């Protein structure tokens, strides 16, 4: 049920947002994100 699942999600800690902390199962989406930035010619970090 919804109540139990919302509470489960509220009791479980999320991961720290940053490098070296993405589950290997999601590596492909990190690859895609970097590739998209390069395909679009996004300016580098310092420019932003």
ModelCIF file with pLDDT and N, C-alpha, C, O atoms, coordinates in Angstrom:
data_MODEL
#
_entry.id   MODEL 
#
_entity.id                         1 
_entity.type                       polymer 
_entity.pdbx_number_of_molecules   1 
#
_entity_poly.entity_id                      1 
_entity_poly.type                           'polypeptide(L)' 
_entity_poly.nstd_linkage                   no 
_entity_poly.nstd_monomer                   no 
_entity_poly.pdbx_seq_one_letter_code       
;(UNK)(UNK)(UNK)(UNK)(UNK)(UNK)(UNK)(UNK)(UNK)(UNK)(UNK)(UNK)(UNK)(UNK)(UNK)(UNK)
(UNK)(UNK)(UNK)(UNK)(UNK)(UNK)(UNK)(UNK)(UNK)(UNK)(UNK)(UNK)(UNK)(UNK)(UNK)(UNK)
(UNK)(UNK)(UNK)(UNK)(UNK)(UNK)(UNK)(UNK)(UNK)(UNK)(UNK)(UNK)(UNK)(UNK)(UNK)(UNK)
;
_entity_poly.pdbx_seq_one_letter_code_can   XXXXXXXXXXXXXXXXXXXXXXXXXXXXXXXXXXXXXXXXXXXXXXXX 
_entity_poly.pdbx_strand_id                 A 
#
loop_
_entity_poly_seq.entity_id 
_entity_poly_seq.num 
_entity_poly_seq.mon_id 
_entity_poly_seq.hetero 
1 1  UNK n 
1 2  UNK n 
1 3  UNK n 
1 4  UNK n 
1 5  UNK n 
1 6  UNK n 
1 7  UNK n 
1 8  UNK n 
1 9  UNK n 
1 10 UNK n 
1 11 UNK n 
1 12 UNK n 
1 13 UNK n 
1 14 UNK n 
1 15 UNK n 
1 16 UNK n 
1 17 UNK n 
1 18 UNK n 
1 19 UNK n 
1 20 UNK n 
1 21 UNK n 
1 22 UNK n 
1 23 UNK n 
1 24 UNK n 
1 25 UNK n 
1 26 UNK n 
1 27 UNK n 
1 28 UNK n 
1 29 UNK n 
1 30 UNK n 
1 31 UNK n 
1 32 UNK n 
1 33 UNK n 
1 34 UNK n 
1 35 UNK n 
1 36 UNK n 
1 37 UNK n 
1 38 UNK n 
1 39 UNK n 
1 40 UNK n 
1 41 UNK n 
1 42 UNK n 
1 43 UNK n 
1 44 UNK n 
1 45 UNK n 
1 46 UNK n 
1 47 UNK n 
1 48 UNK n 
#
_struct_asym.id          A 
_struct_asym.entity_id   1 
#
loop_
_ma_qa_metric.id 
_ma_qa_metric.mode 
_ma_qa_metric.name 
_ma_qa_metric.software_group_id 
_ma_qa_metric.type 
1 global pLDDT . pLDDT 
2 local  pLDDT . pLDDT 
#
_ma_qa_metric_global.metric_id      1 
_ma_qa_metric_global.metric_value   95.17 
_ma_qa_metric_global.model_id       1 
_ma_qa_metric_global.ordinal_id     1 
#
loop_
_ma_qa_metric_local.label_asym_id 
_ma_qa_metric_local.label_comp_id 
_ma_qa_metric_local.label_seq_id 
_ma_qa_metric_local.metric_id 
_ma_qa_metric_local.metric_value 
_ma_qa_metric_local.model_id 
_ma_qa_metric_local.ordinal_id 
A UNK 1  2 95.00 1 1  
A UNK 2  2 96.00 1 2  
A UNK 3  2 96.00 1 3  
A UNK 4  2 97.00 1 4  
A UNK 5  2 97.00 1 5  
A UNK 6  2 97.00 1 6  
A UNK 7  2 97.00 1 7  
A UNK 8  2 97.00 1 8  
A UNK 9  2 97.00 1 9  
A UNK 10 2 97.00 1 10 
A UNK 11 2 96.00 1 11 
A UNK 12 2 97.00 1 12 
A UNK 13 2 97.00 1 13 
A UNK 14 2 97.00 1 14 
A UNK 15 2 96.00 1 15 
A UNK 16 2 95.00 1 16 
A UNK 17 2 95.00 1 17 
A UNK 18 2 95.00 1 18 
A UNK 19 2 96.00 1 19 
A UNK 20 2 97.00 1 20 
A UNK 21 2 96.00 1 21 
A UNK 22 2 96.00 1 22 
A UNK 23 2 95.00 1 23 
A UNK 24 2 94.00 1 24 
A UNK 25 2 92.00 1 25 
A UNK 26 2 93.00 1 26 
A UNK 27 2 94.00 1 27 
A UNK 28 2 94.00 1 28 
A UNK 29 2 92.00 1 29 
A UNK 30 2 95.00 1 30 
A UNK 31 2 96.00 1 31 
A UNK 32 2 93.00 1 32 
A UNK 33 2 94.00 1 33 
A UNK 34 2 95.00 1 34 
A UNK 35 2 94.00 1 35 
A UNK 36 2 93.00 1 36 
A UNK 37 2 94.00 1 37 
A UNK 38 2 94.00 1 38 
A UNK 39 2 93.00 1 39 
A UNK 40 2 93.00 1 40 
A UNK 41 2 94.00 1 41 
A UNK 42 2 95.00 1 42 
A UNK 43 2 95.00 1 43 
A UNK 44 2 95.00 1 44 
A UNK 45 2 96.00 1 45 
A UNK 46 2 96.00 1 46 
A UNK 47 2 95.00 1 47 
A UNK 48 2 95.00 1 48 
#
loop_
_atom_site.group_PDB 
_atom_site.id 
_atom_site.type_symbol 
_atom_site.label_atom_id 
_atom_site.label_alt_id 
_atom_site.label_comp_id 
_atom_site.label_asym_id 
_atom_site.label_entity_id 
_atom_site.label_seq_id 
_atom_site.pdbx_PDB_ins_code 
_atom_site.Cartn_x 
_atom_site.Cartn_y 
_atom_site.Cartn_z 
_atom_site.occupancy 
_atom_site.B_iso_or_equiv 
_atom_site.pdbx_formal_charge 
_atom_site.auth_seq_id 
_atom_site.auth_comp_id 
_atom_site.auth_asym_id 
_atom_site.auth_atom_id 
_atom_site.pdbx_PDB_model_num 
ATOM 1   N N  . UNK A 1 1  ? 0.808  -1.212 0.000   1.00 95.00 ? 1  UNK A N  1 
ATOM 2   C CA . UNK A 1 1  ? 0.000  0.000  0.000   1.00 95.00 ? 1  UNK A CA 1 
ATOM 3   C C  . UNK A 1 1  ? 0.844  1.266  0.000   1.00 95.00 ? 1  UNK A C  1 
ATOM 4   O O  . UNK A 1 1  ? 2.028  1.240  0.333   1.00 95.00 ? 1  UNK A O  1 
ATOM 5   N N  . UNK A 1 2  ? 0.214  2.378  -0.380  1.00 96.00 ? 2  UNK A N  1 
ATOM 6   C CA . UNK A 1 2  ? 0.931  3.635  -0.524  1.00 96.00 ? 2  UNK A CA 1 
ATOM 7   C C  . UNK A 1 2  ? 1.551  4.111  0.789   1.00 96.00 ? 2  UNK A C  1 
ATOM 8   O O  . UNK A 1 2  ? 2.702  4.547  0.807   1.00 96.00 ? 2  UNK A O  1 
ATOM 9   N N  . UNK A 1 3  ? 0.798  4.029  1.888   1.00 96.00 ? 3  UNK A N  1 
ATOM 10  C CA . UNK A 1 3  ? 1.309  4.543  3.159   1.00 96.00 ? 3  UNK A CA 1 
ATOM 11  C C  . UNK A 1 3  ? 2.603  3.873  3.558   1.00 96.00 ? 3  UNK A C  1 
ATOM 12  O O  . UNK A 1 3  ? 3.569  4.546  3.915   1.00 96.00 ? 3  UNK A O  1 
ATOM 13  N N  . UNK A 1 4  ? 2.633  2.554  3.501   1.00 97.00 ? 4  UNK A N  1 
ATOM 14  C CA . UNK A 1 4  ? 3.833  1.805  3.886   1.00 97.00 ? 4  UNK A CA 1 
ATOM 15  C C  . UNK A 1 4  ? 5.001  2.153  2.965   1.00 97.00 ? 4  UNK A C  1 
ATOM 16  O O  . UNK A 1 4  ? 6.124  2.330  3.438   1.00 97.00 ? 4  UNK A O  1 
ATOM 17  N N  . UNK A 1 5  ? 4.754  2.253  1.655   1.00 97.00 ? 5  UNK A N  1 
ATOM 18  C CA . UNK A 1 5  ? 5.849  2.488  0.720   1.00 97.00 ? 5  UNK A CA 1 
ATOM 19  C C  . UNK A 1 5  ? 6.404  3.900  0.832   1.00 97.00 ? 5  UNK A C  1 
ATOM 20  O O  . UNK A 1 5  ? 7.610  4.099  0.684   1.00 97.00 ? 5  UNK A O  1 
ATOM 21  N N  . UNK A 1 6  ? 5.545  4.887  1.090   1.00 97.00 ? 6  UNK A N  1 
ATOM 22  C CA . UNK A 1 6  ? 6.054  6.246  1.310   1.00 97.00 ? 6  UNK A CA 1 
ATOM 23  C C  . UNK A 1 6  ? 6.882  6.296  2.587   1.00 97.00 ? 6  UNK A C  1 
ATOM 24  O O  . UNK A 1 6  ? 7.896  6.991  2.639   1.00 97.00 ? 6  UNK A O  1 
ATOM 25  N N  . UNK A 1 7  ? 6.463  5.571  3.613   1.00 97.00 ? 7  UNK A N  1 
ATOM 26  C CA . UNK A 1 7  ? 7.239  5.546  4.851   1.00 97.00 ? 7  UNK A CA 1 
ATOM 27  C C  . UNK A 1 7  ? 8.563  4.808  4.646   1.00 97.00 ? 7  UNK A C  1 
ATOM 28  O O  . UNK A 1 7  ? 9.597  5.244  5.151   1.00 97.00 ? 7  UNK A O  1 
ATOM 29  N N  . UNK A 1 8  ? 8.539  3.702  3.914   1.00 97.00 ? 8  UNK A N  1 
ATOM 30  C CA . UNK A 1 8  ? 9.790  2.991  3.613   1.00 97.00 ? 8  UNK A CA 1 
ATOM 31  C C  . UNK A 1 8  ? 10.797 3.925  2.935   1.00 97.00 ? 8  UNK A C  1 
ATOM 32  O O  . UNK A 1 8  ? 11.973 3.959  3.298   1.00 97.00 ? 8  UNK A O  1 
ATOM 33  N N  . UNK A 1 9  ? 10.313 4.681  1.944   1.00 97.00 ? 9  UNK A N  1 
ATOM 34  C CA . UNK A 1 9  ? 11.200 5.596  1.208   1.00 97.00 ? 9  UNK A CA 1 
ATOM 35  C C  . UNK A 1 9  ? 11.702 6.718  2.115   1.00 97.00 ? 9  UNK A C  1 
ATOM 36  O O  . UNK A 1 9  ? 12.801 7.234  1.912   1.00 97.00 ? 9  UNK A O  1 
ATOM 37  N N  . UNK A 1 10 ? 10.903 7.099  3.114   1.00 97.00 ? 10 UNK A N  1 
ATOM 38  C CA . UNK A 1 10 ? 11.285 8.171  4.030   1.00 97.00 ? 10 UNK A CA 1 
ATOM 39  C C  . UNK A 1 10 ? 12.261 7.700  5.098   1.00 97.00 ? 10 UNK A C  1 
ATOM 40  O O  . UNK A 1 10 ? 12.995 8.507  5.668   1.00 97.00 ? 10 UNK A O  1 
ATOM 41  N N  . UNK A 1 11 ? 12.277 6.419  5.369   1.00 96.00 ? 11 UNK A N  1 
ATOM 42  C CA . UNK A 1 11 ? 13.180 5.861  6.384   1.00 96.00 ? 11 UNK A CA 1 
ATOM 43  C C  . UNK A 1 11 ? 14.536 5.467  5.788   1.00 96.00 ? 11 UNK A C  1 
ATOM 44  O O  . UNK A 1 11 ? 15.495 5.262  6.531   1.00 96.00 ? 11 UNK A O  1 
ATOM 45  N N  . UNK A 1 12 ? 14.628 5.359  4.462   1.00 97.00 ? 12 UNK A N  1 
ATOM 46  C CA . UNK A 1 12 ? 15.871 4.913  3.823   1.00 97.00 ? 12 UNK A CA 1 
ATOM 47  C C  . UNK A 1 12 ? 16.675 6.115  3.346   1.00 97.00 ? 12 UNK A C  1 
ATOM 48  O O  . UNK A 1 12 ? 16.130 7.012  2.704   1.00 97.00 ? 12 UNK A O  1 
ATOM 49  N N  . UNK A 1 13 ? 17.946 6.136  3.652   1.00 97.00 ? 13 UNK A N  1 
ATOM 50  C CA . UNK A 1 13 ? 18.800 7.244  3.235   1.00 97.00 ? 13 UNK A CA 1 
ATOM 51  C C  . UNK A 1 13 ? 19.147 7.147  1.753   1.00 97.00 ? 13 UNK A C  1 
ATOM 52  O O  . UNK A 1 13 ? 19.385 6.064  1.218   1.00 97.00 ? 13 UNK A O  1 
ATOM 53  N N  . UNK A 1 14 ? 19.169 8.297  1.114   1.00 97.00 ? 14 UNK A N  1 
ATOM 54  C CA . UNK A 1 14 ? 19.641 8.379  -0.269  1.00 97.00 ? 14 UNK A CA 1 
ATOM 55  C C  . UNK A 1 14 ? 21.159 8.489  -0.276  1.00 97.00 ? 14 UNK A C  1 
ATOM 56  O O  . UNK A 1 14 ? 21.783 8.677  0.769   1.00 97.00 ? 14 UNK A O  1 
ATOM 57  N N  . UNK A 1 15 ? 21.745 8.370  -1.461  1.00 96.00 ? 15 UNK A N  1 
ATOM 58  C CA . UNK A 1 15 ? 23.186 8.505  -1.594  1.00 96.00 ? 15 UNK A CA 1 
ATOM 59  C C  . UNK A 1 15 ? 23.620 9.959  -1.673  1.00 96.00 ? 15 UNK A C  1 
ATOM 60  O O  . UNK A 1 15 ? 22.832 10.841 -2.016  1.00 96.00 ? 15 UNK A O  1 
ATOM 61  N N  . UNK A 1 16 ? 24.881 10.194 -1.352  1.00 95.00 ? 16 UNK A N  1 
ATOM 62  C CA . UNK A 1 16 ? 25.467 11.523 -1.514  1.00 95.00 ? 16 UNK A CA 1 
ATOM 63  C C  . UNK A 1 16 ? 25.560 11.860 -2.996  1.00 95.00 ? 16 UNK A C  1 
ATOM 64  O O  . UNK A 1 16 ? 25.980 11.025 -3.797  1.00 95.00 ? 16 UNK A O  1 
ATOM 65  N N  . UNK A 1 17 ? 25.173 13.070 -3.362  1.00 95.00 ? 17 UNK A N  1 
ATOM 66  C CA . UNK A 1 17 ? 25.277 13.524 -4.747  1.00 95.00 ? 17 UNK A CA 1 
ATOM 67  C C  . UNK A 1 17 ? 26.724 13.929 -5.013  1.00 95.00 ? 17 UNK A C  1 
ATOM 68  O O  . UNK A 1 17 ? 27.228 14.880 -4.415  1.00 95.00 ? 17 UNK A O  1 
ATOM 69  N N  . UNK A 1 18 ? 27.387 13.208 -5.907  1.00 95.00 ? 18 UNK A N  1 
ATOM 70  C CA . UNK A 1 18 ? 28.776 13.521 -6.209  1.00 95.00 ? 18 UNK A CA 1 
ATOM 71  C C  . UNK A 1 18 ? 29.459 12.367 -6.914  1.00 95.00 ? 18 UNK A C  1 
ATOM 72  O O  . UNK A 1 18 ? 28.833 11.352 -7.217  1.00 95.00 ? 18 UNK A O  1 
ATOM 73  N N  . UNK A 1 19 ? 30.742 12.529 -7.171  1.00 96.00 ? 19 UNK A N  1 
ATOM 74  C CA . UNK A 1 19 ? 31.511 11.504 -7.875  1.00 96.00 ? 19 UNK A CA 1 
ATOM 75  C C  . UNK A 1 19 ? 31.694 10.258 -7.013  1.00 96.00 ? 19 UNK A C  1 
ATOM 76  O O  . UNK A 1 19 ? 31.551 10.298 -5.791  1.00 96.00 ? 19 UNK A O  1 
ATOM 77  N N  . UNK A 1 20 ? 32.012 9.157  -7.679  1.00 97.00 ? 20 UNK A N  1 
ATOM 78  C CA . UNK A 1 20 ? 32.307 7.865  -7.049  1.00 97.00 ? 20 UNK A CA 1 
ATOM 79  C C  . UNK A 1 20 ? 31.141 7.338  -6.212  1.00 97.00 ? 20 UNK A C  1 
ATOM 80  O O  . UNK A 1 20 ? 31.356 6.646  -5.217  1.00 97.00 ? 20 UNK A O  1 
ATOM 81  N N  . UNK A 1 21 ? 29.910 7.661  -6.610  1.00 96.00 ? 21 UNK A N  1 
ATOM 82  C CA . UNK A 1 21 ? 28.789 7.214  -5.775  1.00 96.00 ? 21 UNK A CA 1 
ATOM 83  C C  . UNK A 1 21 ? 27.566 6.792  -6.581  1.00 96.00 ? 21 UNK A C  1 
ATOM 84  O O  . UNK A 1 21 ? 26.473 6.693  -6.024  1.00 96.00 ? 21 UNK A O  1 
ATOM 85  N N  . UNK A 1 22 ? 27.725 6.541  -7.882  1.00 96.00 ? 22 UNK A N  1 
ATOM 86  C CA . UNK A 1 22 ? 26.617 6.056  -8.711  1.00 96.00 ? 22 UNK A CA 1 
ATOM 87  C C  . UNK A 1 22 ? 26.668 4.536  -8.789  1.00 96.00 ? 22 UNK A C  1 
ATOM 88  O O  . UNK A 1 22 ? 27.715 3.955  -9.075  1.00 96.00 ? 22 UNK A O  1 
ATOM 89  N N  . UNK A 1 23 ? 25.540 3.902  -8.535  1.00 95.00 ? 23 UNK A N  1 
ATOM 90  C CA . UNK A 1 23 ? 25.497 2.446  -8.611  1.00 95.00 ? 23 UNK A CA 1 
ATOM 91  C C  . UNK A 1 23 ? 25.916 1.980  -10.006 1.00 95.00 ? 23 UNK A C  1 
ATOM 92  O O  . UNK A 1 23 ? 25.518 2.584  -11.002 1.00 95.00 ? 23 UNK A O  1 
ATOM 93  N N  . UNK A 1 24 ? 26.718 0.910  -10.090 1.00 94.00 ? 24 UNK A N  1 
ATOM 94  C CA . UNK A 1 24 ? 27.168 0.429  -11.403 1.00 94.00 ? 24 UNK A CA 1 
ATOM 95  C C  . UNK A 1 24 ? 26.024 0.154  -12.381 1.00 94.00 ? 24 UNK A C  1 
ATOM 96  O O  . UNK A 1 24 ? 26.211 0.246  -13.594 1.00 94.00 ? 24 UNK A O  1 
ATOM 97  N N  . UNK A 1 25 ? 24.841 -0.182 -11.859 1.00 92.00 ? 25 UNK A N  1 
ATOM 98  C CA . UNK A 1 25 ? 23.707 -0.440 -12.751 1.00 92.00 ? 25 UNK A CA 1 
ATOM 99  C C  . UNK A 1 25 ? 23.280 0.797  -13.517 1.00 92.00 ? 25 UNK A C  1 
ATOM 100 O O  . UNK A 1 25 ? 22.597 0.694  -14.535 1.00 92.00 ? 25 UNK A O  1 
ATOM 101 N N  . UNK A 1 26 ? 23.683 1.980  -13.029 1.00 93.00 ? 26 UNK A N  1 
ATOM 102 C CA . UNK A 1 26 ? 23.296 3.229  -13.683 1.00 93.00 ? 26 UNK A CA 1 
ATOM 103 C C  . UNK A 1 26 ? 24.460 3.879  -14.434 1.00 93.00 ? 26 UNK A C  1 
ATOM 104 O O  . UNK A 1 26 ? 24.366 5.036  -14.846 1.00 93.00 ? 26 UNK A O  1 
ATOM 105 N N  . UNK A 1 27 ? 25.549 3.140  -14.610 1.00 94.00 ? 27 UNK A N  1 
ATOM 106 C CA . UNK A 1 27 ? 26.713 3.721  -15.276 1.00 94.00 ? 27 UNK A CA 1 
ATOM 107 C C  . UNK A 1 27 ? 26.385 4.218  -16.678 1.00 94.00 ? 27 UNK A C  1 
ATOM 108 O O  . UNK A 1 27 ? 26.894 5.256  -17.100 1.00 94.00 ? 27 UNK A O  1 
ATOM 109 N N  . UNK A 1 28 ? 25.544 3.492  -17.402 1.00 94.00 ? 28 UNK A N  1 
ATOM 110 C CA . UNK A 1 28 ? 25.236 3.868  -18.784 1.00 94.00 ? 28 UNK A CA 1 
ATOM 111 C C  . UNK A 1 28 ? 24.596 5.249  -18.878 1.00 94.00 ? 28 UNK A C  1 
ATOM 112 O O  . UNK A 1 28 ? 24.806 5.965  -19.856 1.00 94.00 ? 28 UNK A O  1 
ATOM 113 N N  . UNK A 1 29 ? 23.816 5.626  -17.867 1.00 92.00 ? 29 UNK A N  1 
ATOM 114 C CA . UNK A 1 29 ? 23.193 6.944  -17.944 1.00 92.00 ? 29 UNK A CA 1 
ATOM 115 C C  . UNK A 1 29 ? 24.224 8.041  -17.672 1.00 92.00 ? 29 UNK A C  1 
ATOM 116 O O  . UNK A 1 29 ? 24.059 9.160  -18.158 1.00 92.00 ? 29 UNK A O  1 
ATOM 117 N N  . UNK A 1 30 ? 25.272 7.754  -16.917 1.00 95.00 ? 30 UNK A N  1 
ATOM 118 C CA . UNK A 1 30 ? 26.349 8.715  -16.749 1.00 95.00 ? 30 UNK A CA 1 
ATOM 119 C C  . UNK A 1 30 ? 27.124 8.869  -18.067 1.00 95.00 ? 30 UNK A C  1 
ATOM 120 O O  . UNK A 1 30 ? 27.481 9.979  -18.462 1.00 95.00 ? 30 UNK A O  1 
ATOM 121 N N  . UNK A 1 31 ? 27.373 7.749  -18.729 1.00 96.00 ? 31 UNK A N  1 
ATOM 122 C CA . UNK A 1 31 ? 28.022 7.799  -20.040 1.00 96.00 ? 31 UNK A CA 1 
ATOM 123 C C  . UNK A 1 31 ? 27.205 8.659  -20.985 1.00 96.00 ? 31 UNK A C  1 
ATOM 124 O O  . UNK A 1 31 ? 27.747 9.526  -21.671 1.00 96.00 ? 31 UNK A O  1 
ATOM 125 N N  . UNK A 1 32 ? 25.905 8.420  -21.023 1.00 93.00 ? 32 UNK A N  1 
ATOM 126 C CA . UNK A 1 32 ? 25.021 9.175  -21.914 1.00 93.00 ? 32 UNK A CA 1 
ATOM 127 C C  . UNK A 1 32 ? 25.035 10.665 -21.597 1.00 93.00 ? 32 UNK A C  1 
ATOM 128 O O  . UNK A 1 32 ? 25.006 11.493 -22.507 1.00 93.00 ? 32 UNK A O  1 
ATOM 129 N N  . UNK A 1 33 ? 25.078 11.011 -20.314 1.00 94.00 ? 33 UNK A N  1 
ATOM 130 C CA . UNK A 1 33 ? 25.058 12.417 -19.911 1.00 94.00 ? 33 UNK A CA 1 
ATOM 131 C C  . UNK A 1 33 ? 26.310 13.145 -20.375 1.00 94.00 ? 33 UNK A C  1 
ATOM 132 O O  . UNK A 1 33 ? 26.229 14.257 -20.895 1.00 94.00 ? 33 UNK A O  1 
ATOM 133 N N  . UNK A 1 34 ? 27.467 12.520 -20.188 1.00 95.00 ? 34 UNK A N  1 
ATOM 134 C CA . UNK A 1 34 ? 28.724 13.138 -20.622 1.00 95.00 ? 34 UNK A CA 1 
ATOM 135 C C  . UNK A 1 34 ? 28.755 13.244 -22.143 1.00 95.00 ? 34 UNK A C  1 
ATOM 136 O O  . UNK A 1 34 ? 29.171 14.263 -22.694 1.00 95.00 ? 34 UNK A O  1 
ATOM 137 N N  . UNK A 1 35 ? 28.311 12.182 -22.817 1.00 94.00 ? 35 UNK A N  1 
ATOM 138 C CA . UNK A 1 35 ? 28.292 12.183 -24.279 1.00 94.00 ? 35 UNK A CA 1 
ATOM 139 C C  . UNK A 1 35 ? 27.355 13.263 -24.815 1.00 94.00 ? 35 UNK A C  1 
ATOM 140 O O  . UNK A 1 35 ? 27.674 13.926 -25.802 1.00 94.00 ? 35 UNK A O  1 
ATOM 141 N N  . UNK A 1 36 ? 26.203 13.444 -24.171 1.00 93.00 ? 36 UNK A N  1 
ATOM 142 C CA . UNK A 1 36 ? 25.264 14.483 -24.606 1.00 93.00 ? 36 UNK A CA 1 
ATOM 143 C C  . UNK A 1 36 ? 25.894 15.868 -24.486 1.00 93.00 ? 36 UNK A C  1 
ATOM 144 O O  . UNK A 1 36 ? 25.775 16.695 -25.390 1.00 93.00 ? 36 UNK A O  1 
ATOM 145 N N  . UNK A 1 37 ? 26.563 16.109 -23.366 1.00 94.00 ? 37 UNK A N  1 
ATOM 146 C CA . UNK A 1 37 ? 27.203 17.409 -23.178 1.00 94.00 ? 37 UNK A CA 1 
ATOM 147 C C  . UNK A 1 37 ? 28.228 17.701 -24.256 1.00 94.00 ? 37 UNK A C  1 
ATOM 148 O O  . UNK A 1 37 ? 28.332 18.828 -24.738 1.00 94.00 ? 37 UNK A O  1 
ATOM 149 N N  . UNK A 1 38 ? 28.980 16.688 -24.630 1.00 94.00 ? 38 UNK A N  1 
ATOM 150 C CA . UNK A 1 38 ? 29.992 16.891 -25.678 1.00 94.00 ? 38 UNK A CA 1 
ATOM 151 C C  . UNK A 1 38 ? 29.357 17.029 -27.060 1.00 94.00 ? 38 UNK A C  1 
ATOM 152 O O  . UNK A 1 38 ? 29.797 17.845 -27.870 1.00 94.00 ? 38 UNK A O  1 
ATOM 153 N N  . UNK A 1 39 ? 28.325 16.235 -27.327 1.00 93.00 ? 39 UNK A N  1 
ATOM 154 C CA . UNK A 1 39 ? 27.653 16.327 -28.629 1.00 93.00 ? 39 UNK A CA 1 
ATOM 155 C C  . UNK A 1 39 ? 27.024 17.708 -28.829 1.00 93.00 ? 39 UNK A C  1 
ATOM 156 O O  . UNK A 1 39 ? 26.937 18.196 -29.956 1.00 93.00 ? 39 UNK A O  1 
ATOM 157 N N  . UNK A 1 40 ? 26.590 18.331 -27.744 1.00 93.00 ? 40 UNK A N  1 
ATOM 158 C CA . UNK A 1 40 ? 25.963 19.650 -27.823 1.00 93.00 ? 40 UNK A CA 1 
ATOM 159 C C  . UNK A 1 40 ? 26.974 20.782 -27.716 1.00 93.00 ? 40 UNK A C  1 
ATOM 160 O O  . UNK A 1 40 ? 26.603 21.955 -27.773 1.00 93.00 ? 40 UNK A O  1 
ATOM 161 N N  . UNK A 1 41 ? 28.239 20.442 -27.562 1.00 94.00 ? 41 UNK A N  1 
ATOM 162 C CA . UNK A 1 41 ? 29.274 21.463 -27.479 1.00 94.00 ? 41 UNK A CA 1 
ATOM 163 C C  . UNK A 1 41 ? 29.134 22.345 -26.253 1.00 94.00 ? 41 UNK A C  1 
ATOM 164 O O  . UNK A 1 41 ? 29.404 23.544 -26.320 1.00 94.00 ? 41 UNK A O  1 
ATOM 165 N N  . UNK A 1 42 ? 28.710 21.762 -25.121 1.00 95.00 ? 42 UNK A N  1 
ATOM 166 C CA . UNK A 1 42 ? 28.564 22.575 -23.917 1.00 95.00 ? 42 UNK A CA 1 
ATOM 167 C C  . UNK A 1 42 ? 29.916 23.144 -23.485 1.00 95.00 ? 42 UNK A C  1 
ATOM 168 O O  . UNK A 1 42 ? 30.934 22.453 -23.513 1.00 95.00 ? 42 UNK A O  1 
ATOM 169 N N  . UNK A 1 43 ? 29.902 24.393 -23.091 1.00 95.00 ? 43 UNK A N  1 
ATOM 170 C CA . UNK A 1 43 ? 31.117 25.033 -22.594 1.00 95.00 ? 43 UNK A CA 1 
ATOM 171 C C  . UNK A 1 43 ? 31.606 24.294 -21.350 1.00 95.00 ? 43 UNK A C  1 
ATOM 172 O O  . UNK A 1 43 ? 30.813 23.634 -20.678 1.00 95.00 ? 43 UNK A O  1 
ATOM 173 N N  . UNK A 1 44 ? 32.887 24.392 -21.036 1.00 95.00 ? 44 UNK A N  1 
ATOM 174 C CA . UNK A 1 44 ? 33.423 23.668 -19.877 1.00 95.00 ? 44 UNK A CA 1 
ATOM 175 C C  . UNK A 1 44 ? 32.962 24.272 -18.555 1.00 95.00 ? 44 UNK A C  1 
ATOM 176 O O  . UNK A 1 44 ? 32.363 25.346 -18.500 1.00 95.00 ? 44 UNK A O  1 
ATOM 177 N N  . UNK A 1 45 ? 33.262 23.549 -17.520 1.00 96.00 ? 45 UNK A N  1 
ATOM 178 C CA . UNK A 1 45 ? 32.864 23.879 -16.152 1.00 96.00 ? 45 UNK A CA 1 
ATOM 179 C C  . UNK A 1 45 ? 33.212 25.313 -15.766 1.00 96.00 ? 45 UNK A C  1 
ATOM 180 O O  . UNK A 1 45 ? 32.373 26.026 -15.216 1.00 96.00 ? 45 UNK A O  1 
ATOM 181 N N  . UNK A 1 46 ? 34.435 25.741 -16.047 1.00 96.00 ? 46 UNK A N  1 
ATOM 182 C CA . UNK A 1 46 ? 34.861 27.079 -15.637 1.00 96.00 ? 46 UNK A CA 1 
ATOM 183 C C  . UNK A 1 46 ? 34.038 28.174 -16.313 1.00 96.00 ? 46 UNK A C  1 
ATOM 184 O O  . UNK A 1 46 ? 33.769 29.209 -15.703 1.00 96.00 ? 46 UNK A O  1 
ATOM 185 N N  . UNK A 1 47 ? 33.640 27.960 -17.552 1.00 95.00 ? 47 UNK A N  1 
ATOM 186 C CA . UNK A 1 47 ? 32.829 28.960 -18.254 1.00 95.00 ? 47 UNK A CA 1 
ATOM 187 C C  . UNK A 1 47 ? 31.475 29.142 -17.564 1.00 95.00 ? 47 UNK A C  1 
ATOM 188 O O  . UNK A 1 47 ? 30.955 30.255 -17.493 1.00 95.00 ? 47 UNK A O  1 
ATOM 189 N N  . UNK A 1 48 ? 30.912 28.047 -17.059 1.00 95.00 ? 48 UNK A N  1 
ATOM 190 C CA . UNK A 1 48 ? 29.624 28.156 -16.361 1.00 95.00 ? 48 UNK A CA 1 
ATOM 191 C C  . UNK A 1 48 ? 29.794 28.755 -14.967 1.00 95.00 ? 48 UNK A C  1 
ATOM 192 O O  . UNK A 1 48 ? 28.812 28.918 -14.242 1.00 95.00 ? 48 UNK A O  1 
#
